[in-house]
Amino acid sequence: MINSKDLPDIDITEALNCLIITINGLVENINIDSSILDKTFDKFIKALSNGLIRLLDNAS
């Protein structure tokens, strides 16, 4: 089991960026239409709280 003390802290934008890079790599490897990915991320952004959306906007 991994102890949280062993893991470095990263901010939310870095974590989301890693997630997006990983998903994009998967999409390229399994040939999913990019419009499906766009729709998925649109739904994800709509589900976020307003505070988190502002945080992400300020970080970009």
PDB file of N, CA and C in Angstrom:
ATOM      1  N   MET A   1       0.848  -1.182   0.000  1.00  0.00           N
ATOM      2  CA  MET A   1       0.000   0.000   0.000  1.00  0.00           C
ATOM      3  C   MET A   1       0.888   1.238   0.000  1.00  0.00           C
ATOM      4  N   ILE A   2       0.506   2.233  -0.782  1.00  0.00           N
ATOM      5  CA  ILE A   2       1.271   3.466  -0.877  1.00  0.00           C
ATOM      6  C   ILE A   2       0.810   4.421   0.204  1.00  0.00           C
ATOM      7  N   ASN A   3       1.767   4.950   0.934  1.00  0.00           N
ATOM      8  CA  ASN A   3       1.483   5.921   1.976  1.00  0.00           C
ATOM      9  C   ASN A   3       1.490   7.305   1.340  1.00  0.00           C
ATOM     10  N   SER A   4       0.554   8.157   1.717  1.00  0.00           N
ATOM     11  CA  SER A   4       0.481   9.493   1.123  1.00  0.00           C
ATOM     12  C   SER A   4       1.734  10.311   1.397  1.00  0.00           C
ATOM     13  N   LYS A   5       2.484   9.962   2.424  1.00  0.00           N
ATOM     14  CA  LYS A   5       3.732  10.669   2.707  1.00  0.00           C
ATOM     15  C   LYS A   5       4.766  10.422   1.621  1.00  0.00           C
ATOM     16  N   ASP A   6       4.620   9.319   0.880  1.00  0.00           N
ATOM     17  CA  ASP A   6       5.575   8.958  -0.157  1.00  0.00           C
ATOM     18  C   ASP A   6       5.330   9.694  -1.472  1.00  0.00           C
ATOM     19  N   LEU A   7       4.169  10.280  -1.621  1.00  0.00           N
ATOM     20  CA  LEU A   7       3.803  10.918  -2.874  1.00  0.00           C
ATOM     21  C   LEU A   7       3.999  12.427  -2.799  1.00  0.00           C
ATOM     22  N   PRO A   8       4.552  13.010  -3.856  1.00  0.00           N
ATOM     23  CA  PRO A   8       4.716  14.468  -3.853  1.00  0.00           C
ATOM     24  C   PRO A   8       3.372  15.156  -4.054  1.00  0.00           C
ATOM     25  N   ASP A   9       3.234  16.346  -3.509  1.00  0.00           N
ATOM     26  CA  ASP A   9       2.021  17.134  -3.715  1.00  0.00           C
ATOM     27  C   ASP A   9       2.076  17.775  -5.092  1.00  0.00           C
ATOM     28  N   ILE A  10       0.969  17.711  -5.813  1.00  0.00           N
ATOM     29  CA  ILE A  10       0.840  18.432  -7.072  1.00  0.00           C
ATOM     30  C   ILE A  10      -0.468  19.200  -7.015  1.00  0.00           C
ATOM     31  N   ASP A  11      -0.511  20.294  -7.762  1.00  0.00           N
ATOM     32  CA  ASP A  11      -1.740  21.077  -7.715  1.00  0.00           C
ATOM     33  C   ASP A  11      -2.776  20.480  -8.673  1.00  0.00           C
ATOM     34  N   ILE A  12      -3.978  20.950  -8.557  1.00  0.00           N
ATOM     35  CA  ILE A  12      -5.100  20.384  -9.322  1.00  0.00           C
ATOM     36  C   ILE A  12      -4.891  20.548 -10.815  1.00  0.00           C
ATOM     37  N   THR A  13      -4.321  21.657 -11.241  1.00  0.00           N
ATOM     38  CA  THR A  13      -4.133  21.867 -12.675  1.00  0.00           C
ATOM     39  C   THR A  13      -3.119  20.886 -13.242  1.00  0.00           C
ATOM     40  N   GLU A  14      -2.073  20.596 -12.477  1.00  0.00           N
ATOM     41  CA  GLU A  14      -1.085  19.617 -12.937  1.00  0.00           C
ATOM     42  C   GLU A  14      -1.707  18.222 -13.002  1.00  0.00           C
ATOM     43  N   ALA A  15      -2.523  17.888 -12.021  1.00  0.00           N
ATOM     44  CA  ALA A  15      -3.187  16.590 -12.010  1.00  0.00           C
ATOM     45  C   ALA A  15      -4.145  16.457 -13.192  1.00  0.00           C
ATOM     46  N   LEU A  16      -4.925  17.497 -13.448  1.00  0.00           N
ATOM     47  CA  LEU A  16      -5.854  17.454 -14.580  1.00  0.00           C
ATOM     48  C   LEU A  16      -5.114  17.413 -15.905  1.00  0.00           C
ATOM     49  N   ASN A  17      -4.002  18.125 -15.991  1.00  0.00           N
ATOM     50  CA  ASN A  17      -3.199  18.096 -17.205  1.00  0.00           C
ATOM     51  C   ASN A  17      -2.680  16.687 -17.471  1.00  0.00           C
ATOM     52  N   CYS A  18      -2.197  16.014 -16.429  1.00  0.00           N
ATOM     53  CA  CYS A  18      -1.731  14.631 -16.574  1.00  0.00           C
ATOM     54  C   CYS A  18      -2.872  13.723 -17.018  1.00  0.00           C
ATOM     55  N   LEU A  19      -4.049  13.940 -16.461  1.00  0.00           N
ATOM     56  CA  LEU A  19      -5.219  13.151 -16.838  1.00  0.00           C
ATOM     57  C   LEU A  19      -5.562  13.355 -18.306  1.00  0.00           C
ATOM     58  N   ILE A  20      -5.555  14.596 -18.751  1.00  0.00           N
ATOM     59  CA  ILE A  20      -5.887  14.904 -20.141  1.00  0.00           C
ATOM     60  C   ILE A  20      -4.865  14.291 -21.094  1.00  0.00           C
ATOM     61  N   ILE A  21      -3.590  14.394 -20.749  1.00  0.00           N
ATOM     62  CA  ILE A  21      -2.541  13.798 -21.582  1.00  0.00           C
ATOM     63  C   ILE A  21      -2.733  12.285 -21.675  1.00  0.00           C
ATOM     64  N   THR A  22      -3.037  11.664 -20.544  1.00  0.00           N
ATOM     65  CA  THR A  22      -3.256  10.217 -20.525  1.00  0.00           C
ATOM     66  C   THR A  22      -4.451   9.830 -21.373  1.00  0.00           C
ATOM     67  N   ILE A  23      -5.549  10.551 -21.238  1.00  0.00           N
ATOM     68  CA  ILE A  23      -6.756  10.245 -22.012  1.00  0.00           C
ATOM     69  C   ILE A  23      -6.506  10.470 -23.500  1.00  0.00           C
ATOM     70  N   ASN A  24      -5.816  11.537 -23.838  1.00  0.00           N
ATOM     71  CA  ASN A  24      -5.505  11.787 -25.250  1.00  0.00           C
ATOM     72  C   ASN A  24      -4.672  10.649 -25.832  1.00  0.00           C
ATOM     73  N   GLY A  25      -3.726  10.140 -25.064  1.00  0.00           N
ATOM     74  CA  GLY A  25      -2.913   9.010 -25.518  1.00  0.00           C
ATOM     75  C   GLY A  25      -3.762   7.772 -25.739  1.00  0.00           C
ATOM     76  N   LEU A  26      -4.699   7.531 -24.835  1.00  0.00           N
ATOM     77  CA  LEU A  26      -5.600   6.389 -25.001  1.00  0.00           C
ATOM     78  C   LEU A  26      -6.459   6.548 -26.237  1.00  0.00           C
ATOM     79  N   VAL A  27      -6.949   7.740 -26.460  1.00  0.00           N
ATOM     80  CA  VAL A  27      -7.807   8.009 -27.619  1.00  0.00           C
ATOM     81  C   VAL A  27      -7.035   7.757 -28.907  1.00  0.00           C
ATOM     82  N   GLU A  28      -5.787   8.199 -28.952  1.00  0.00           N
ATOM     83  CA  GLU A  28      -4.977   7.975 -30.148  1.00  0.00           C
ATOM     84  C   GLU A  28      -4.726   6.493 -30.374  1.00  0.00           C
ATOM     85  N   ASN A  29      -4.541   5.735 -29.297  1.00  0.00           N
ATOM     86  CA  ASN A  29      -4.232   4.309 -29.427  1.00  0.00           C
ATOM     87  C   ASN A  29      -5.442   3.464 -29.804  1.00  0.00           C
ATOM     88  N   ILE A  30      -6.643   3.905 -29.461  1.00  0.00           N
ATOM     89  CA  ILE A  30      -7.817   3.085 -29.776  1.00  0.00           C
ATOM     90  C   ILE A  30      -8.726   3.743 -30.813  1.00  0.00           C
ATOM     91  N   ASN A  31      -8.243   4.817 -31.423  1.00  0.00           N
ATOM     92  CA  ASN A  31      -8.938   5.476 -32.534  1.00  0.00           C
ATOM     93  C   ASN A  31     -10.370   5.889 -32.221  1.00  0.00           C
ATOM     94  N   ILE A  32     -10.560   6.581 -31.117  1.00  0.00           N
ATOM     95  CA  ILE A  32     -11.869   7.145 -30.792  1.00  0.00           C
ATOM     96  C   ILE A  32     -11.984   8.498 -31.481  1.00  0.00           C
ATOM     97  N   ASP A  33     -13.135   8.784 -31.995  1.00  0.00           N
ATOM     98  CA  ASP A  33     -13.391  10.070 -32.639  1.00  0.00           C
ATOM     99  C   ASP A  33     -13.181  11.189 -31.621  1.00  0.00           C
ATOM    100  N   SER A  34     -12.437  12.215 -32.002  1.00  0.00           N
ATOM    101  CA  SER A  34     -12.134  13.304 -31.069  1.00  0.00           C
ATOM    102  C   SER A  34     -13.386  14.038 -30.603  1.00  0.00           C
ATOM    103  N   SER A  35     -14.469  13.997 -31.380  1.00  0.00           N
ATOM    104  CA  SER A  35     -15.700  14.669 -30.955  1.00  0.00           C
ATOM    105  C   SER A  35     -16.274  14.010 -29.702  1.00  0.00           C
ATOM    106  N   ILE A  36     -16.068  12.702 -29.557  1.00  0.00           N
ATOM    107  CA  ILE A  36     -16.526  12.009 -28.354  1.00  0.00           C
ATOM    108  C   ILE A  36     -15.758  12.519 -27.143  1.00  0.00           C
ATOM    109  N   LEU A  37     -14.458  12.684 -27.304  1.00  0.00           N
ATOM    110  CA  LEU A  37     -13.630  13.210 -26.215  1.00  0.00           C
ATOM    111  C   LEU A  37     -14.037  14.642 -25.875  1.00  0.00           C
ATOM    112  N   ASP A  38     -14.284  15.457 -26.880  1.00  0.00           N
ATOM    113  CA  ASP A  38     -14.712  16.835 -26.648  1.00  0.00           C
ATOM    114  C   ASP A  38     -16.020  16.886 -25.860  1.00  0.00           C
ATOM    115  N   LYS A  39     -16.968  16.050 -26.223  1.00  0.00           N
ATOM    116  CA  LYS A  39     -18.254  16.007 -25.520  1.00  0.00           C
ATOM    117  C   LYS A  39     -18.065  15.553 -24.073  1.00  0.00           C
ATOM    118  N   THR A  40     -17.173  14.590 -23.875  1.00  0.00           N
ATOM    119  CA  THR A  40     -16.917  14.086 -22.527  1.00  0.00           C
ATOM    120  C   THR A  40     -16.328  15.182 -21.650  1.00  0.00           C
ATOM    121  N   PHE A  41     -15.358  15.926 -22.172  1.00  0.00           N
ATOM    122  CA  PHE A  41     -14.763  16.995 -21.381  1.00  0.00           C
ATOM    123  C   PHE A  41     -15.739  18.149 -21.158  1.00  0.00           C
ATOM    124  N   ASP A  42     -16.596  18.419 -22.119  1.00  0.00           N
ATOM    125  CA  ASP A  42     -17.627  19.442 -21.917  1.00  0.00           C
ATOM    126  C   ASP A  42     -18.541  19.057 -20.753  1.00  0.00           C
ATOM    127  N   LYS A  43     -18.941  17.791 -20.702  1.00  0.00           N
ATOM    128  CA  LYS A  43     -19.784  17.319 -19.599  1.00  0.00           C
ATOM    129  C   LYS A  43     -19.030  17.406 -18.281  1.00  0.00           C
ATOM    130  N   PHE A  44     -17.745  17.069 -18.298  1.00  0.00           N
ATOM    131  CA  PHE A  44     -16.918  17.137 -17.099  1.00  0.00           C
ATOM    132  C   PHE A  44     -16.840  18.570 -16.574  1.00  0.00           C
ATOM    133  N   ILE A  45     -16.572  19.522 -17.453  1.00  0.00           N
ATOM    134  CA  ILE A  45     -16.465  20.928 -17.051  1.00  0.00           C
ATOM    135  C   ILE A  45     -17.803  21.426 -16.502  1.00  0.00           C
ATOM    136  N   LYS A  46     -18.909  21.031 -17.114  1.00  0.00           N
ATOM    137  CA  LYS A  46     -20.225  21.451 -16.634  1.00  0.00           C
ATOM    138  C   LYS A  46     -20.532  20.883 -15.251  1.00  0.00           C
ATOM    139  N   ALA A  47     -19.937  19.735 -14.927  1.00  0.00           N
ATOM    140  CA  ALA A  47     -20.187  19.099 -13.632  1.00  0.00           C
ATOM    141  C   ALA A  47     -19.336  19.682 -12.508  1.00  0.00           C
ATOM    142  N   LEU A  48     -18.306  20.425 -12.859  1.00  0.00           N
ATOM    143  CA  LEU A  48     -17.439  21.020 -11.836  1.00  0.00           C
ATOM    144  C   LEU A  48     -18.139  22.157 -11.112  1.00  0.00           C
ATOM    145  N   SER A  49     -17.721  22.384  -9.893  1.00  0.00           N
ATOM    146  CA  SER A  49     -18.256  23.523  -9.153  1.00  0.00           C
ATOM    147  C   SER A  49     -17.713  24.817  -9.749  1.00  0.00           C
ATOM    148  N   ASN A  50     -18.432  25.905  -9.540  1.00  0.00           N
ATOM    149  CA  ASN A  50     -17.987  27.202 -10.064  1.00  0.00           C
ATOM    150  C   ASN A  50     -16.635  27.606  -9.503  1.00  0.00           C
ATOM    151  N   GLY A  51     -16.383  27.301  -8.239  1.00  0.00           N
ATOM    152  CA  GLY A  51     -15.094  27.646  -7.628  1.00  0.00           C
ATOM    153  C   GLY A  51     -13.938  26.950  -8.303  1.00  0.00           C
ATOM    154  N   LEU A  52     -14.118  25.677  -8.616  1.00  0.00           N
ATOM    155  CA  LEU A  52     -13.062  24.927  -9.280  1.00  0.00           C
ATOM    156  C   LEU A  52     -12.868  25.409 -10.712  1.00  0.00           C
ATOM    157  N   ILE A  53     -13.931  25.760 -11.372  1.00  0.00           N
ATOM    158  CA  ILE A  53     -13.827  26.299 -12.732  1.00  0.00           C
ATOM    159  C   ILE A  53     -13.018  27.592 -12.720  1.00  0.00           C
ATOM    160  N   ARG A  54     -13.296  28.477 -11.761  1.00  0.00           N
ATOM    161  CA  ARG A  54     -12.529  29.729 -11.663  1.00  0.00           C
ATOM    162  C   ARG A  54     -11.060  29.435 -11.391  1.00  0.00           C
ATOM    163  N   LEU A  55     -10.785  28.477 -10.515  1.00  0.00           N
ATOM    164  CA  LEU A  55      -9.413  28.103 -10.212  1.00  0.00           C
ATOM    165  C   LEU A  55      -8.688  27.617 -11.459  1.00  0.00           C
ATOM    166  N   LEU A  56      -9.344  26.781 -12.250  1.00  0.00           N
ATOM    167  CA  LEU A  56      -8.733  26.280 -13.477  1.00  0.00           C
ATOM    168  C   LEU A  56      -8.537  27.386 -14.503  1.00  0.00           C
ATOM    169  N   ASP A  57      -9.516  28.286 -14.617  1.00  0.00           N
ATOM    170  CA  ASP A  57      -9.388  29.416 -15.547  1.00  0.00           C
ATOM    171  C   ASP A  57      -8.213  30.312 -15.163  1.00  0.00           C
ATOM    172  N   ASN A  58      -8.062  30.558 -13.870  1.00  0.00           N
ATOM    173  CA  ASN A  58      -6.967  31.415 -13.414  1.00  0.00           C
ATOM    174  C   ASN A  58      -5.605  30.759 -13.617  1.00  0.00           C
ATOM    175  N   ALA A  59      -5.561  29.449 -13.594  1.00  0.00           N
ATOM    176  CA  ALA A  59      -4.300  28.728 -13.730  1.00  0.00           C
ATOM    177  C   ALA A  59      -3.845  28.641 -15.181  1.00  0.00           C
ATOM    178  N   SER A  60      -4.762  28.817 -16.116  1.00  0.00           N
ATOM    179  CA  SER A  60      -4.382  28.650 -17.519  1.00  0.00           C
ATOM    180  C   SER A  60      -3.870  29.918 -18.147  1.00  0.00           C
TER     181      SER A  60
END
